[in-house]
């Protein structure tokens, strides 16, 4: 049986002051929809989606102590299990009613292929109204939460989103590149830390995992979305829906984009430039 090894020291609560400083949030701390929307938006703007740890063979730890150290103290980013686990801890500390869910990714997957539950998202209840919150889906992550109401186009700070209900499950879709794109499929069965530990171990260590083989980063900005796949850097404008693509040709350019456009403090315990050479040669 697989069990994930954790550090011996844990923090049993979130450091809200450090987290709010990290995302630049100075608003209310009451469990209201406005608070959820503002913190959700601020988080996605500040903490980028990235996979440097699995890419370079470093562990991806999901205990709260490790999440705060990496995403808050060290100025790094992470993928869904890290991002939404940290966000969940923040929301619970603020008094929100939160449950964790699992999803099967549809984005970039051929139709008819069944994928594992390899994505984490959250359902938040505010005054008996359920909302979907998700700060960790990468290039098309929600920037503000949406109601769990199917067949309704919902505005966010970026694209339109909607939920399509099929029997007991929902498909999350975003209106991108002038059409509706399916992102993932989920149901309302609660997921627990062991569920995420198994999926996290698989996506961060399996030899054929996308996160082990490709450099990936994403961050929404005020009027655009930034995305990086290996050495292809893309900027998608929200105003005219045009997308610029730039091929980066040196490891130094990759480091510069990760630092500036994705706002990451790059790890200092590895020779990052040397390890990034394989993506530009």
C-alpha atoms as a PDB file:
ATOM      1  CA  UNK A   1       0.000   0.000   0.000  1.00  0.00           C
ATOM      2  CA  UNK A   2       1.248   3.481  -0.870  1.00  0.00           C
ATOM      3  CA  UNK A   3       1.609   5.989   1.952  1.00  0.00           C
ATOM      4  CA  UNK A   4       3.086   9.435   1.504  1.00  0.00           C
ATOM      5  CA  UNK A   5       5.831  10.476   3.881  1.00  0.00           C
ATOM      6  CA  UNK A   6       5.245  13.801   5.615  1.00  0.00           C
ATOM      7  CA  UNK A   7       7.554  16.102   7.539  1.00  0.00           C
ATOM      8  CA  UNK A   8       7.525  15.564  11.287  1.00  0.00           C
ATOM      9  CA  UNK A   9       6.510  19.146  12.087  1.00  0.00           C
ATOM     10  CA  UNK A  10       3.062  20.457  11.144  1.00  0.00           C
ATOM     11  CA  UNK A  11       1.233  23.742  11.440  1.00  0.00           C
ATOM     12  CA  UNK A  12      -2.349  23.024  12.411  1.00  0.00           C
ATOM     13  CA  UNK A  13      -3.636  26.373  11.196  1.00  0.00           C
ATOM     14  CA  UNK A  14      -3.127  28.732   8.298  1.00  0.00           C
ATOM     15  CA  UNK A  15      -1.095  31.893   8.751  1.00  0.00           C
ATOM     16  CA  UNK A  16      -3.677  34.292   7.344  1.00  0.00           C
ATOM     17  CA  UNK A  17      -1.478  37.365   7.718  1.00  0.00           C
ATOM     18  CA  UNK A  18       1.290  35.841   5.614  1.00  0.00           C
ATOM     19  CA  UNK A  19      -1.170  34.482   3.048  1.00  0.00           C
ATOM     20  CA  UNK A  20      -2.989  37.803   2.650  1.00  0.00           C
ATOM     21  CA  UNK A  21       0.326  39.613   2.257  1.00  0.00           C
ATOM     22  CA  UNK A  22       1.322  37.070  -0.412  1.00  0.00           C
ATOM     23  CA  UNK A  23      -1.824  37.701  -2.483  1.00  0.00           C
ATOM     24  CA  UNK A  24      -2.101  41.422  -1.701  1.00  0.00           C
ATOM     25  CA  UNK A  25      -5.481  41.160   0.021  1.00  0.00           C
ATOM     26  CA  UNK A  26      -6.599  43.810   2.542  1.00  0.00           C
ATOM     27  CA  UNK A  27     -10.366  43.302   2.562  1.00  0.00           C
ATOM     28  CA  UNK A  28     -12.993  41.903   4.900  1.00  0.00           C
ATOM     29  CA  UNK A  29     -12.543  38.591   6.691  1.00  0.00           C
ATOM     30  CA  UNK A  30     -16.166  37.579   6.958  1.00  0.00           C
ATOM     31  CA  UNK A  31     -17.536  34.489   5.132  1.00  0.00           C
ATOM     32  CA  UNK A  32     -19.497  36.362   2.470  1.00  0.00           C
ATOM     33  CA  UNK A  33     -19.708  35.985  -1.298  1.00  0.00           C
ATOM     34  CA  UNK A  34     -17.830  39.246  -1.800  1.00  0.00           C
ATOM     35  CA  UNK A  35     -14.989  38.018   0.407  1.00  0.00           C
ATOM     36  CA  UNK A  36     -14.834  34.720  -1.470  1.00  0.00           C
ATOM     37  CA  UNK A  37     -14.830  36.443  -4.863  1.00  0.00           C
ATOM     38  CA  UNK A  38     -12.107  38.923  -3.929  1.00  0.00           C
ATOM     39  CA  UNK A  39      -9.784  36.410  -2.284  1.00  0.00           C
ATOM     40  CA  UNK A  40     -10.315  33.928  -5.145  1.00  0.00           C
ATOM     41  CA  UNK A  41      -9.404  36.591  -7.696  1.00  0.00           C
ATOM     42  CA  UNK A  42      -6.391  37.829  -5.706  1.00  0.00           C
ATOM     43  CA  UNK A  43      -5.063  34.296  -5.247  1.00  0.00           C
ATOM     44  CA  UNK A  44      -5.137  33.459  -8.952  1.00  0.00           C
ATOM     45  CA  UNK A  45      -3.423  36.730  -9.852  1.00  0.00           C
ATOM     46  CA  UNK A  46      -0.627  36.253  -7.320  1.00  0.00           C
ATOM     47  CA  UNK A  47       0.114  32.509  -7.142  1.00  0.00           C
ATOM     48  CA  UNK A  48       0.901  30.937 -10.498  1.00  0.00           C
ATOM     49  CA  UNK A  49       0.163  27.418 -11.634  1.00  0.00           C
ATOM     50  CA  UNK A  50       3.526  25.659 -12.120  1.00  0.00           C
ATOM     51  CA  UNK A  51       5.094  22.189 -12.009  1.00  0.00           C
ATOM     52  CA  UNK A  52       8.800  22.745 -11.303  1.00  0.00           C
ATOM     53  CA  UNK A  53       8.907  20.248  -8.426  1.00  0.00           C
ATOM     54  CA  UNK A  54       7.692  17.141 -10.314  1.00  0.00           C
ATOM     55  CA  UNK A  55       9.550  18.247 -13.430  1.00  0.00           C
ATOM     56  CA  UNK A  56      12.873  18.122 -11.569  1.00  0.00           C
ATOM     57  CA  UNK A  57      12.145  15.112  -9.394  1.00  0.00           C
ATOM     58  CA  UNK A  58      11.320  16.962  -6.194  1.00  0.00           C
ATOM     59  CA  UNK A  59       8.410  15.838  -3.982  1.00  0.00           C
ATOM     60  CA  UNK A  60       5.042  17.577  -4.007  1.00  0.00           C
ATOM     61  CA  UNK A  61       3.856  17.631  -0.376  1.00  0.00           C
ATOM     62  CA  UNK A  62       0.270  18.427   0.558  1.00  0.00           C
ATOM     63  CA  UNK A  63       0.435  18.961   4.319  1.00  0.00           C
ATOM     64  CA  UNK A  64      -0.381  22.517   5.360  1.00  0.00           C
ATOM     65  CA  UNK A  65       3.105  23.224   6.685  1.00  0.00           C
ATOM     66  CA  UNK A  66       4.693  22.354   3.330  1.00  0.00           C
ATOM     67  CA  UNK A  67       2.051  24.249   1.346  1.00  0.00           C
ATOM     68  CA  UNK A  68       2.565  27.433   3.327  1.00  0.00           C
ATOM     69  CA  UNK A  69       6.337  27.158   3.102  1.00  0.00           C
ATOM     70  CA  UNK A  70       6.337  26.703  -0.677  1.00  0.00           C
ATOM     71  CA  UNK A  71       3.421  28.818  -1.934  1.00  0.00           C
ATOM     72  CA  UNK A  72       3.495  31.587   0.679  1.00  0.00           C
ATOM     73  CA  UNK A  73       6.960  31.883   2.246  1.00  0.00           C
ATOM     74  CA  UNK A  74       9.047  30.884  -0.772  1.00  0.00           C
ATOM     75  CA  UNK A  75       6.928  32.720  -3.366  1.00  0.00           C
ATOM     76  CA  UNK A  76       6.394  29.624  -5.486  1.00  0.00           C
ATOM     77  CA  UNK A  77       3.295  28.299  -7.215  1.00  0.00           C
ATOM     78  CA  UNK A  78       1.889  24.826  -7.669  1.00  0.00           C
ATOM     79  CA  UNK A  79      -0.811  22.753  -9.278  1.00  0.00           C
ATOM     80  CA  UNK A  80      -4.392  21.930  -8.250  1.00  0.00           C
ATOM     81  CA  UNK A  81      -3.751  19.760  -5.198  1.00  0.00           C
ATOM     82  CA  UNK A  82      -1.423  22.379  -3.719  1.00  0.00           C
ATOM     83  CA  UNK A  83      -3.365  25.472  -4.723  1.00  0.00           C
ATOM     84  CA  UNK A  84      -6.833  24.295  -3.712  1.00  0.00           C
ATOM     85  CA  UNK A  85      -5.633  22.608  -0.511  1.00  0.00           C
ATOM     86  CA  UNK A  86      -4.084  25.896   0.608  1.00  0.00           C
ATOM     87  CA  UNK A  87      -7.165  27.856  -0.493  1.00  0.00           C
ATOM     88  CA  UNK A  88      -9.448  25.432   1.362  1.00  0.00           C
ATOM     89  CA  UNK A  89      -7.499  25.955   4.594  1.00  0.00           C
ATOM     90  CA  UNK A  90      -7.847  29.734   4.202  1.00  0.00           C
ATOM     91  CA  UNK A  91     -11.594  29.560   3.586  1.00  0.00           C
ATOM     92  CA  UNK A  92     -12.243  27.235   6.522  1.00  0.00           C
ATOM     93  CA  UNK A  93     -10.264  29.508   8.840  1.00  0.00           C
ATOM     94  CA  UNK A  94     -12.438  32.411   7.693  1.00  0.00           C
ATOM     95  CA  UNK A  95     -15.598  30.484   8.568  1.00  0.00           C
ATOM     96  CA  UNK A  96     -16.712  29.249   5.149  1.00  0.00           C
ATOM     97  CA  UNK A  97     -18.409  25.867   4.735  1.00  0.00           C
ATOM     98  CA  UNK A  98     -16.171  24.024   2.279  1.00  0.00           C
ATOM     99  CA  UNK A  99     -16.072  20.529   0.788  1.00  0.00           C
ATOM    100  CA  UNK A 100     -13.434  19.078  -1.524  1.00  0.00           C
ATOM    101  CA  UNK A 101     -14.308  17.396  -4.819  1.00  0.00           C
ATOM    102  CA  UNK A 102     -12.504  15.438  -7.527  1.00  0.00           C
ATOM    103  CA  UNK A 103     -12.747  15.831 -11.304  1.00  0.00           C
ATOM    104  CA  UNK A 104     -11.802  13.985 -14.472  1.00  0.00           C
ATOM    105  CA  UNK A 105      -9.916  16.284 -16.846  1.00  0.00           C
ATOM    106  CA  UNK A 106     -11.468  16.727 -20.320  1.00  0.00           C
ATOM    107  CA  UNK A 107      -9.343  19.633 -21.575  1.00  0.00           C
ATOM    108  CA  UNK A 108      -6.973  18.399 -24.282  1.00  0.00           C
ATOM    109  CA  UNK A 109      -8.264  14.824 -23.969  1.00  0.00           C
ATOM    110  CA  UNK A 110      -9.738  12.967 -27.001  1.00  0.00           C
ATOM    111  CA  UNK A 111     -13.494  12.512 -26.786  1.00  0.00           C
ATOM    112  CA  UNK A 112     -14.531   9.245 -25.174  1.00  0.00           C
ATOM    113  CA  UNK A 113     -11.314   8.783 -23.185  1.00  0.00           C
ATOM    114  CA  UNK A 114     -11.994   8.272 -19.471  1.00  0.00           C
ATOM    115  CA  UNK A 115      -9.391   9.941 -17.263  1.00  0.00           C
ATOM    116  CA  UNK A 116      -8.818   9.423 -13.525  1.00  0.00           C
ATOM    117  CA  UNK A 117      -9.974  11.904 -10.887  1.00  0.00           C
ATOM    118  CA  UNK A 118      -6.755  13.872 -11.115  1.00  0.00           C
ATOM    119  CA  UNK A 119      -8.105  17.361 -10.445  1.00  0.00           C
ATOM    120  CA  UNK A 120      -9.145  18.942  -7.148  1.00  0.00           C
ATOM    121  CA  UNK A 121     -11.821  21.628  -6.828  1.00  0.00           C
ATOM    122  CA  UNK A 122     -13.942  23.034  -4.005  1.00  0.00           C
ATOM    123  CA  UNK A 123     -17.622  23.572  -3.303  1.00  0.00           C
ATOM    124  CA  UNK A 124     -18.407  26.452  -0.943  1.00  0.00           C
ATOM    125  CA  UNK A 125     -21.844  27.041   0.610  1.00  0.00           C
ATOM    126  CA  UNK A 126     -22.828  30.632   1.364  1.00  0.00           C
ATOM    127  CA  UNK A 127     -26.300  31.191   2.826  1.00  0.00           C
ATOM    128  CA  UNK A 128     -27.346  27.757   1.550  1.00  0.00           C
ATOM    129  CA  UNK A 129     -26.208  28.591  -2.003  1.00  0.00           C
ATOM    130  CA  UNK A 130     -23.445  26.319  -3.415  1.00  0.00           C
ATOM    131  CA  UNK A 131     -20.538  27.833  -5.383  1.00  0.00           C
ATOM    132  CA  UNK A 132     -17.686  26.166  -7.227  1.00  0.00           C
ATOM    133  CA  UNK A 133     -14.257  27.582  -6.368  1.00  0.00           C
ATOM    134  CA  UNK A 134     -11.107  26.462  -8.172  1.00  0.00           C
ATOM    135  CA  UNK A 135      -7.797  28.341  -8.104  1.00  0.00           C
ATOM    136  CA  UNK A 136      -5.735  25.520  -9.613  1.00  0.00           C
ATOM    137  CA  UNK A 137      -6.734  24.532 -13.148  1.00  0.00           C
ATOM    138  CA  UNK A 138      -3.881  26.278 -14.923  1.00  0.00           C
ATOM    139  CA  UNK A 139      -4.473  28.062 -18.221  1.00  0.00           C
ATOM    140  CA  UNK A 140      -8.249  28.318 -17.851  1.00  0.00           C
ATOM    141  CA  UNK A 141      -8.677  28.309 -14.104  1.00  0.00           C
ATOM    142  CA  UNK A 142     -11.638  30.167 -12.647  1.00  0.00           C
ATOM    143  CA  UNK A 143     -10.651  33.643 -11.555  1.00  0.00           C
ATOM    144  CA  UNK A 144     -13.837  34.094  -9.521  1.00  0.00           C
ATOM    145  CA  UNK A 145     -16.240  31.409  -8.231  1.00  0.00           C
ATOM    146  CA  UNK A 146     -19.455  30.461 -10.017  1.00  0.00           C
ATOM    147  CA  UNK A 147     -22.792  29.189  -8.747  1.00  0.00           C
ATOM    148  CA  UNK A 148     -23.518  25.482  -8.929  1.00  0.00           C
ATOM    149  CA  UNK A 149     -26.341  26.205 -11.363  1.00  0.00           C
ATOM    150  CA  UNK A 150     -26.345  24.212 -14.614  1.00  0.00           C
ATOM    151  CA  UNK A 151     -27.162  25.527 -18.072  1.00  0.00           C
ATOM    152  CA  UNK A 152     -26.485  29.165 -17.161  1.00  0.00           C
ATOM    153  CA  UNK A 153     -23.756  31.353 -18.623  1.00  0.00           C
ATOM    154  CA  UNK A 154     -21.887  32.977 -15.757  1.00  0.00           C
ATOM    155  CA  UNK A 155     -19.555  35.942 -15.934  1.00  0.00           C
ATOM    156  CA  UNK A 156     -16.194  35.927 -14.176  1.00  0.00           C
ATOM    157  CA  UNK A 157     -13.467  38.544 -14.159  1.00  0.00           C
ATOM    158  CA  UNK A 158     -12.205  36.819 -17.323  1.00  0.00           C
ATOM    159  CA  UNK A 159     -14.174  34.411 -19.580  1.00  0.00           C
ATOM    160  CA  UNK A 160     -17.759  33.235 -19.452  1.00  0.00           C
ATOM    161  CA  UNK A 161     -18.181  29.866 -17.713  1.00  0.00           C
ATOM    162  CA  UNK A 162     -21.056  27.422 -17.487  1.00  0.00           C
ATOM    163  CA  UNK A 163     -21.919  24.025 -16.032  1.00  0.00           C
ATOM    164  CA  UNK A 164     -23.566  21.288 -18.090  1.00  0.00           C
ATOM    165  CA  UNK A 165     -25.341  18.620 -16.028  1.00  0.00           C
ATOM    166  CA  UNK A 166     -25.250  15.007 -17.192  1.00  0.00           C
ATOM    167  CA  UNK A 167     -27.125  12.669 -14.827  1.00  0.00           C
ATOM    168  CA  UNK A 168     -25.368  13.091 -11.453  1.00  0.00           C
ATOM    169  CA  UNK A 169     -22.304  14.895 -12.743  1.00  0.00           C
ATOM    170  CA  UNK A 170     -21.353  18.322 -14.080  1.00  0.00           C
ATOM    171  CA  UNK A 171     -19.060  19.434 -16.897  1.00  0.00           C
ATOM    172  CA  UNK A 172     -17.228  22.692 -16.370  1.00  0.00           C
ATOM    173  CA  UNK A 173     -16.923  24.695 -19.605  1.00  0.00           C
ATOM    174  CA  UNK A 174     -15.268  27.995 -20.504  1.00  0.00           C
ATOM    175  CA  UNK A 175     -15.973  30.168 -23.535  1.00  0.00           C
ATOM    176  CA  UNK A 176     -12.506  30.419 -25.052  1.00  0.00           C
ATOM    177  CA  UNK A 177     -11.291  30.971 -28.630  1.00  0.00           C
ATOM    178  CA  UNK A 178     -14.877  31.752 -29.680  1.00  0.00           C
ATOM    179  CA  UNK A 179     -16.358  28.428 -28.552  1.00  0.00           C
ATOM    180  CA  UNK A 180     -17.307  26.490 -25.446  1.00  0.00           C
ATOM    181  CA  UNK A 181     -14.467  24.277 -24.229  1.00  0.00           C
ATOM    182  CA  UNK A 182     -14.984  21.416 -21.765  1.00  0.00           C
ATOM    183  CA  UNK A 183     -12.460  21.540 -18.929  1.00  0.00           C
ATOM    184  CA  UNK A 184     -13.381  18.749 -16.529  1.00  0.00           C
ATOM    185  CA  UNK A 185     -16.229  16.585 -15.234  1.00  0.00           C
ATOM    186  CA  UNK A 186     -17.081  16.190 -11.551  1.00  0.00           C
ATOM    187  CA  UNK A 187     -19.798  15.036  -9.188  1.00  0.00           C
ATOM    188  CA  UNK A 188     -20.590  16.007  -5.621  1.00  0.00           C
ATOM    189  CA  UNK A 189     -19.019  13.018  -3.877  1.00  0.00           C
ATOM    190  CA  UNK A 190     -16.684  14.422  -1.186  1.00  0.00           C
ATOM    191  CA  UNK A 191     -12.988  13.677  -1.532  1.00  0.00           C
ATOM    192  CA  UNK A 192     -10.536  13.314   1.336  1.00  0.00           C
ATOM    193  CA  UNK A 193      -6.774  13.770   1.814  1.00  0.00           C
ATOM    194  CA  UNK A 194      -5.951  10.107   1.020  1.00  0.00           C
ATOM    195  CA  UNK A 195      -7.769  10.454  -2.316  1.00  0.00           C
ATOM    196  CA  UNK A 196      -5.601  13.413  -3.246  1.00  0.00           C
ATOM    197  CA  UNK A 197      -2.394  11.823  -1.950  1.00  0.00           C
ATOM    198  CA  UNK A 198      -2.770   8.885  -4.329  1.00  0.00           C
ATOM    199  CA  UNK A 199      -3.599  11.089  -7.341  1.00  0.00           C
ATOM    200  CA  UNK A 200      -0.865  13.556  -6.415  1.00  0.00           C
ATOM    201  CA  UNK A 201       1.735  10.806  -6.195  1.00  0.00           C
ATOM    202  CA  UNK A 202       0.701   9.494  -9.607  1.00  0.00           C
ATOM    203  CA  UNK A 203       0.756  12.821 -11.490  1.00  0.00           C
ATOM    204  CA  UNK A 204       3.987  13.956  -9.830  1.00  0.00           C
ATOM    205  CA  UNK A 205       6.027  10.742 -10.306  1.00  0.00           C
ATOM    206  CA  UNK A 206       4.630   8.579 -13.119  1.00  0.00           C
ATOM    207  CA  UNK A 207       7.119   8.458 -16.029  1.00  0.00           C
ATOM    208  CA  UNK A 208       4.386   9.333 -18.539  1.00  0.00           C
ATOM    209  CA  UNK A 209       2.796  12.126 -16.508  1.00  0.00           C
ATOM    210  CA  UNK A 210       2.538  15.482 -18.254  1.00  0.00           C
ATOM    211  CA  UNK A 211       3.886  17.189 -15.122  1.00  0.00           C
ATOM    212  CA  UNK A 212       7.021  15.032 -15.148  1.00  0.00           C
ATOM    213  CA  UNK A 213       7.821  15.606 -18.828  1.00  0.00           C
ATOM    214  CA  UNK A 214       6.756  19.167 -19.710  1.00  0.00           C
ATOM    215  CA  UNK A 215       7.422  22.619 -18.302  1.00  0.00           C
ATOM    216  CA  UNK A 216       4.045  24.210 -17.543  1.00  0.00           C
ATOM    217  CA  UNK A 217       3.087  27.550 -16.025  1.00  0.00           C
ATOM    218  CA  UNK A 218      -0.039  29.714 -16.137  1.00  0.00           C
ATOM    219  CA  UNK A 219      -1.286  32.910 -14.526  1.00  0.00           C
ATOM    220  CA  UNK A 220      -4.231  35.211 -15.279  1.00  0.00           C
ATOM    221  CA  UNK A 221      -3.504  38.934 -15.255  1.00  0.00           C
ATOM    222  CA  UNK A 222      -5.904  41.869 -15.285  1.00  0.00           C
ATOM    223  CA  UNK A 223      -6.599  41.844 -19.032  1.00  0.00           C
ATOM    224  CA  UNK A 224      -4.931  38.659 -20.266  1.00  0.00           C
ATOM    225  CA  UNK A 225      -3.809  35.141 -19.460  1.00  0.00           C
ATOM    226  CA  UNK A 226      -0.183  34.010 -19.562  1.00  0.00           C
ATOM    227  CA  UNK A 227       0.681  30.393 -20.410  1.00  0.00           C
ATOM    228  CA  UNK A 228       3.957  28.538 -20.827  1.00  0.00           C
ATOM    229  CA  UNK A 229       4.385  25.051 -22.296  1.00  0.00           C
ATOM    230  CA  UNK A 230       8.039  24.069 -22.560  1.00  0.00           C
ATOM    231  CA  UNK A 231       9.514  27.032 -24.489  1.00  0.00           C
ATOM    232  CA  UNK A 232       6.250  28.300 -26.011  1.00  0.00           C
ATOM    233  CA  UNK A 233       5.090  31.405 -24.175  1.00  0.00           C
ATOM    234  CA  UNK A 234       1.531  32.570 -24.958  1.00  0.00           C
ATOM    235  CA  UNK A 235      -0.379  35.728 -24.068  1.00  0.00           C
ATOM    236  CA  UNK A 236      -4.139  35.572 -24.549  1.00  0.00           C
ATOM    237  CA  UNK A 237      -5.793  38.999 -24.562  1.00  0.00           C
ATOM    238  CA  UNK A 238      -9.252  39.256 -23.040  1.00  0.00           C
ATOM    239  CA  UNK A 239     -10.128  42.420 -24.956  1.00  0.00           C
ATOM    240  CA  UNK A 240      -9.949  41.032 -28.482  1.00  0.00           C
ATOM    241  CA  UNK A 241      -9.409  37.311 -27.786  1.00  0.00           C
ATOM    242  CA  UNK A 242      -6.166  37.361 -29.769  1.00  0.00           C
ATOM    243  CA  UNK A 243      -3.338  35.095 -28.666  1.00  0.00           C
ATOM    244  CA  UNK A 244       0.343  35.912 -29.146  1.00  0.00           C
ATOM    245  CA  UNK A 245       2.836  33.046 -29.236  1.00  0.00           C
ATOM    246  CA  UNK A 246       6.545  33.498 -28.567  1.00  0.00           C
ATOM    247  CA  UNK A 247       9.195  30.775 -28.826  1.00  0.00           C
ATOM    248  CA  UNK A 248      11.815  31.280 -26.126  1.00  0.00           C
ATOM    249  CA  UNK A 249      15.290  30.283 -27.248  1.00  0.00           C
ATOM    250  CA  UNK A 250      17.429  30.318 -24.097  1.00  0.00           C
ATOM    251  CA  UNK A 251      17.175  29.079 -20.522  1.00  0.00           C
ATOM    252  CA  UNK A 252      17.746  32.658 -19.410  1.00  0.00           C
ATOM    253  CA  UNK A 253      14.600  33.736 -21.282  1.00  0.00           C
ATOM    254  CA  UNK A 254      12.626  30.959 -19.607  1.00  0.00           C
ATOM    255  CA  UNK A 255      13.834  32.062 -16.180  1.00  0.00           C
ATOM    256  CA  UNK A 256      12.998  35.680 -16.964  1.00  0.00           C
ATOM    257  CA  UNK A 257       9.431  34.855 -18.024  1.00  0.00           C
ATOM    258  CA  UNK A 258       8.897  32.644 -14.967  1.00  0.00           C
ATOM    259  CA  UNK A 259      10.143  35.436 -12.730  1.00  0.00           C
ATOM    260  CA  UNK A 260       8.340  38.394 -14.274  1.00  0.00           C
ATOM    261  CA  UNK A 261       5.174  37.269 -16.073  1.00  0.00           C
ATOM    262  CA  UNK A 262       4.474  34.381 -13.681  1.00  0.00           C
ATOM    263  CA  UNK A 263       5.757  36.230 -10.595  1.00  0.00           C
ATOM    264  CA  UNK A 264       7.666  33.251  -9.245  1.00  0.00           C
ATOM    265  CA  UNK A 265      10.602  33.250  -6.901  1.00  0.00           C
ATOM    266  CA  UNK A 266      12.655  30.544  -8.582  1.00  0.00           C
ATOM    267  CA  UNK A 267      14.115  27.724  -6.464  1.00  0.00           C
ATOM    268  CA  UNK A 268      17.728  28.224  -5.455  1.00  0.00           C
ATOM    269  CA  UNK A 269      18.485  24.652  -4.391  1.00  0.00           C
ATOM    270  CA  UNK A 270      18.948  23.491  -8.005  1.00  0.00           C
ATOM    271  CA  UNK A 271      20.818  24.781 -11.051  1.00  0.00           C
ATOM    272  CA  UNK A 272      17.605  25.800 -12.770  1.00  0.00           C
ATOM    273  CA  UNK A 273      19.119  27.281 -15.925  1.00  0.00           C
ATOM    274  CA  UNK A 274      21.098  24.125 -16.644  1.00  0.00           C
ATOM    275  CA  UNK A 275      18.025  21.977 -16.128  1.00  0.00           C
ATOM    276  CA  UNK A 276      15.902  24.159 -18.419  1.00  0.00           C
ATOM    277  CA  UNK A 277      18.312  23.865 -21.365  1.00  0.00           C
ATOM    278  CA  UNK A 278      16.544  20.742 -22.620  1.00  0.00           C
ATOM    279  CA  UNK A 279      13.432  22.767 -23.369  1.00  0.00           C
ATOM    280  CA  UNK A 280      15.173  25.203 -25.718  1.00  0.00           C
ATOM    281  CA  UNK A 281      17.647  22.902 -27.503  1.00  0.00           C
END
